[in-house]
N, C-alpha and C. Protein backbone atom coordinates (compact mmCIF):
# COMPACT_ATOMS: atom_id res chain seq x y z
N MET A 1 -5.89 53.79 18.43
CA MET A 1 -4.92 54.71 17.89
C MET A 1 -3.55 54.47 18.49
N PHE A 2 -3.53 54.20 19.78
CA PHE A 2 -2.27 53.93 20.48
C PHE A 2 -1.58 52.68 19.91
N VAL A 3 -2.37 51.66 19.59
CA VAL A 3 -1.82 50.40 19.07
C VAL A 3 -1.18 50.62 17.71
N VAL A 4 -1.81 51.43 16.87
CA VAL A 4 -1.27 51.71 15.54
C VAL A 4 0.05 52.45 15.66
N MET A 5 0.14 53.42 16.54
CA MET A 5 1.38 54.16 16.75
C MET A 5 2.48 53.23 17.28
N LEU A 6 2.13 52.37 18.21
CA LEU A 6 3.10 51.45 18.78
C LEU A 6 3.63 50.49 17.70
N LEU A 7 2.72 49.95 16.88
CA LEU A 7 3.13 49.06 15.81
C LEU A 7 4.02 49.78 14.80
N THR A 8 3.70 51.04 14.49
CA THR A 8 4.51 51.82 13.56
C THR A 8 5.91 52.04 14.12
N LEU A 9 6.02 52.35 15.40
CA LEU A 9 7.33 52.55 16.03
C LEU A 9 8.14 51.25 16.04
N VAL A 10 7.50 50.15 16.35
CA VAL A 10 8.20 48.86 16.38
C VAL A 10 8.68 48.50 14.97
N LEU A 11 7.83 48.69 13.98
CA LEU A 11 8.21 48.40 12.60
C LEU A 11 9.37 49.30 12.16
N GLY A 12 9.30 50.57 12.49
CA GLY A 12 10.39 51.50 12.15
C GLY A 12 11.69 51.09 12.81
N ALA A 13 11.62 50.69 14.07
CA ALA A 13 12.82 50.27 14.78
C ALA A 13 13.42 49.01 14.14
N MET A 14 12.57 48.11 13.70
CA MET A 14 13.06 46.89 13.06
C MET A 14 13.75 47.21 11.73
N ILE A 15 13.20 48.15 10.98
CA ILE A 15 13.80 48.54 9.70
C ILE A 15 15.15 49.20 9.94
N VAL A 16 15.22 50.09 10.91
CA VAL A 16 16.48 50.77 11.21
C VAL A 16 17.52 49.74 11.66
N PHE A 17 17.13 48.79 12.50
CA PHE A 17 18.06 47.78 12.98
C PHE A 17 18.57 46.91 11.83
N ALA A 18 17.68 46.51 10.93
CA ALA A 18 18.09 45.69 9.78
C ALA A 18 19.06 46.46 8.88
N ALA A 19 18.77 47.73 8.63
CA ALA A 19 19.66 48.54 7.79
C ALA A 19 21.01 48.72 8.47
N TRP A 20 21.02 48.95 9.77
CA TRP A 20 22.27 49.12 10.51
C TRP A 20 23.11 47.85 10.43
N CYS A 21 22.48 46.68 10.58
CA CYS A 21 23.21 45.41 10.50
C CYS A 21 23.79 45.21 9.10
N ALA A 22 23.03 45.54 8.07
CA ALA A 22 23.51 45.37 6.70
C ALA A 22 24.70 46.28 6.43
N VAL A 23 24.63 47.52 6.87
CA VAL A 23 25.73 48.46 6.67
C VAL A 23 26.96 48.00 7.45
N ARG A 24 26.76 47.57 8.68
CA ARG A 24 27.88 47.12 9.50
C ARG A 24 28.56 45.91 8.87
N ASP A 25 27.79 44.94 8.39
CA ASP A 25 28.36 43.75 7.77
C ASP A 25 29.09 44.10 6.48
N GLY A 26 28.53 45.01 5.70
CA GLY A 26 29.18 45.42 4.46
C GLY A 26 30.48 46.14 4.72
N MET A 27 30.52 46.98 5.74
CA MET A 27 31.74 47.71 6.07
C MET A 27 32.83 46.76 6.55
N SER A 28 32.48 45.78 7.36
CA SER A 28 33.49 44.88 7.89
C SER A 28 34.04 43.98 6.80
N ARG A 29 33.25 43.63 5.80
CA ARG A 29 33.76 42.81 4.69
C ARG A 29 34.74 43.59 3.85
N HIS A 30 34.43 44.87 3.58
CA HIS A 30 35.30 45.66 2.72
C HIS A 30 36.57 46.09 3.43
N SER A 31 36.53 46.28 4.71
CA SER A 31 37.70 46.76 5.43
C SER A 31 38.54 45.64 6.00
N GLY A 32 38.13 44.39 5.77
CA GLY A 32 38.89 43.26 6.30
C GLY A 32 38.73 43.12 7.79
N GLY A 33 37.59 43.50 8.31
CA GLY A 33 37.33 43.44 9.75
C GLY A 33 37.14 42.03 10.23
N HIS A 34 36.41 41.87 11.28
CA HIS A 34 36.24 40.57 11.92
C HIS A 34 35.07 39.78 11.36
N ALA A 35 34.76 40.00 10.12
CA ALA A 35 33.66 39.24 9.52
C ALA A 35 34.09 37.78 9.35
N GLU A 36 33.12 36.90 9.37
CA GLU A 36 33.43 35.49 9.20
C GLU A 36 34.00 35.27 7.80
N ALA A 37 34.94 34.35 7.70
CA ALA A 37 35.54 34.05 6.41
C ALA A 37 34.51 33.41 5.50
N GLU A 38 34.38 33.96 4.32
CA GLU A 38 33.44 33.41 3.36
C GLU A 38 34.10 32.23 2.67
N PRO A 39 33.34 31.18 2.42
CA PRO A 39 33.94 30.02 1.74
C PRO A 39 34.34 30.39 0.32
N ALA A 40 35.44 29.82 -0.13
CA ALA A 40 35.91 30.10 -1.47
C ALA A 40 34.94 29.52 -2.49
N GLU A 41 34.73 30.26 -3.56
CA GLU A 41 33.82 29.78 -4.59
C GLU A 41 34.51 28.64 -5.34
N PRO A 42 33.76 27.61 -5.68
CA PRO A 42 34.37 26.52 -6.44
C PRO A 42 34.77 27.00 -7.82
N GLY A 43 35.84 26.43 -8.34
CA GLY A 43 36.31 26.81 -9.67
C GLY A 43 35.41 26.25 -10.75
N PRO A 44 35.60 26.73 -11.97
CA PRO A 44 34.80 26.24 -13.08
C PRO A 44 35.05 24.75 -13.33
N ASP A 45 34.04 24.06 -13.84
CA ASP A 45 34.14 22.62 -14.08
C ASP A 45 34.59 22.28 -15.49
N SER A 46 34.71 23.26 -16.38
CA SER A 46 35.04 22.97 -17.76
C SER A 46 36.02 24.00 -18.29
N LEU A 47 36.63 23.68 -19.42
CA LEU A 47 37.54 24.62 -20.06
C LEU A 47 36.80 25.89 -20.47
N GLU A 48 35.56 25.73 -20.93
CA GLU A 48 34.76 26.90 -21.29
C GLU A 48 34.54 27.80 -20.07
N GLY A 49 34.28 27.17 -18.92
CA GLY A 49 34.09 27.94 -17.69
C GLY A 49 35.35 28.69 -17.29
N VAL A 50 36.50 28.06 -17.46
CA VAL A 50 37.78 28.73 -17.16
C VAL A 50 37.96 29.92 -18.08
N LEU A 51 37.65 29.75 -19.35
CA LEU A 51 37.80 30.86 -20.30
C LEU A 51 36.87 32.02 -19.96
N VAL A 52 35.63 31.71 -19.60
CA VAL A 52 34.69 32.77 -19.23
C VAL A 52 35.19 33.52 -18.00
N THR A 53 35.70 32.77 -17.02
CA THR A 53 36.24 33.40 -15.81
C THR A 53 37.40 34.31 -16.16
N GLN A 54 38.31 33.84 -17.00
CA GLN A 54 39.45 34.67 -17.41
C GLN A 54 39.00 35.90 -18.17
N LEU A 55 37.99 35.75 -19.01
CA LEU A 55 37.48 36.90 -19.78
C LEU A 55 36.86 37.93 -18.86
N THR A 56 36.02 37.49 -17.93
CA THR A 56 35.34 38.45 -17.04
C THR A 56 36.30 39.12 -16.07
N GLN A 57 37.41 38.45 -15.75
CA GLN A 57 38.39 39.05 -14.83
C GLN A 57 39.45 39.85 -15.56
N GLY A 58 39.34 39.93 -16.89
CA GLY A 58 40.27 40.74 -17.67
C GLY A 58 41.62 40.08 -17.91
N GLU A 59 41.72 38.78 -17.70
CA GLU A 59 42.99 38.08 -17.91
C GLU A 59 43.24 37.80 -19.39
N ILE A 60 42.18 37.67 -20.18
CA ILE A 60 42.30 37.49 -21.62
C ILE A 60 41.38 38.48 -22.31
N THR A 61 41.66 38.73 -23.59
CA THR A 61 40.83 39.66 -24.35
C THR A 61 39.68 38.91 -25.02
N ARG A 62 38.76 39.66 -25.60
CA ARG A 62 37.64 39.03 -26.30
C ARG A 62 38.13 38.21 -27.49
N GLY A 63 39.13 38.73 -28.19
CA GLY A 63 39.69 38.01 -29.33
C GLY A 63 40.33 36.69 -28.90
N GLN A 64 41.07 36.72 -27.80
CA GLN A 64 41.68 35.49 -27.30
C GLN A 64 40.60 34.48 -26.90
N TYR A 65 39.54 34.99 -26.29
CA TYR A 65 38.43 34.12 -25.89
C TYR A 65 37.80 33.46 -27.13
N ARG A 66 37.54 34.27 -28.16
CA ARG A 66 36.92 33.73 -29.37
C ARG A 66 37.81 32.68 -30.04
N ARG A 67 39.12 32.96 -30.13
CA ARG A 67 40.03 32.00 -30.76
C ARG A 67 40.07 30.70 -29.96
N ALA A 68 40.12 30.79 -28.65
CA ALA A 68 40.14 29.59 -27.82
C ALA A 68 38.85 28.79 -27.98
N MET A 69 37.71 29.47 -28.03
CA MET A 69 36.44 28.76 -28.21
C MET A 69 36.37 28.11 -29.59
N CYS A 70 36.92 28.76 -30.62
CA CYS A 70 36.96 28.16 -31.96
C CYS A 70 37.81 26.89 -31.94
N GLN A 71 38.93 26.94 -31.24
CA GLN A 71 39.79 25.75 -31.15
C GLN A 71 39.07 24.62 -30.42
N ILE A 72 38.36 24.95 -29.35
CA ILE A 72 37.60 23.94 -28.61
C ILE A 72 36.54 23.32 -29.51
N ALA A 73 35.83 24.15 -30.27
CA ALA A 73 34.79 23.65 -31.17
C ALA A 73 35.38 22.76 -32.25
N ALA A 74 36.55 23.14 -32.79
CA ALA A 74 37.18 22.34 -33.84
C ALA A 74 37.60 20.98 -33.29
N ARG A 75 38.18 20.96 -32.08
CA ARG A 75 38.56 19.68 -31.47
C ARG A 75 37.34 18.80 -31.21
N GLU A 76 36.27 19.41 -30.75
CA GLU A 76 35.04 18.66 -30.49
C GLU A 76 34.47 18.08 -31.78
N GLU A 77 34.53 18.83 -32.87
CA GLU A 77 34.04 18.35 -34.15
C GLU A 77 34.88 17.17 -34.65
N GLU A 78 36.19 17.22 -34.41
CA GLU A 78 37.05 16.10 -34.81
C GLU A 78 36.72 14.85 -34.00
N ARG A 79 36.52 15.01 -32.71
CA ARG A 79 36.26 13.87 -31.83
C ARG A 79 34.88 13.27 -32.06
N ARG A 80 33.88 14.14 -32.13
CA ARG A 80 32.48 13.68 -32.25
C ARG A 80 31.78 14.51 -33.32
N PRO A 81 31.94 14.13 -34.58
CA PRO A 81 31.28 14.91 -35.64
C PRO A 81 29.76 14.83 -35.51
N MET A 82 29.12 15.93 -35.82
CA MET A 82 27.66 15.96 -35.78
C MET A 82 27.11 15.28 -37.02
N SER A 83 26.08 14.51 -36.84
CA SER A 83 25.41 13.91 -37.99
C SER A 83 24.01 14.47 -38.09
N VAL A 84 23.67 14.90 -39.28
CA VAL A 84 22.36 15.50 -39.51
C VAL A 84 21.43 14.39 -39.99
N PRO A 85 20.26 14.24 -39.35
CA PRO A 85 19.34 13.19 -39.80
C PRO A 85 18.84 13.47 -41.22
N THR A 86 18.64 12.40 -41.97
CA THR A 86 18.13 12.54 -43.33
C THR A 86 16.61 12.45 -43.33
N ASP A 87 15.99 12.78 -44.46
CA ASP A 87 14.54 12.78 -44.57
C ASP A 87 13.98 11.45 -45.06
N ASP A 88 14.72 10.36 -44.97
CA ASP A 88 14.27 9.05 -45.47
C ASP A 88 13.01 8.59 -44.84
């Protein structure tokens, strides 16, 4: 019985410690504290990726996004037209 109580206390202490560390790290990131600098996320690799990033950050509207994607698709069709296989 003593062993079960001891294990329960140790487990509880570990959970409290983990939660305290998570809260402390979250607070220091939001307040600009002494948290380690996070590496910058790499930018998008394609024009489509740039457009998605701009859309999600509110820099362009949905309509602007759709028009830009239509222009990209039209340019792609001019450069490399799709060919549909025949049933020969």
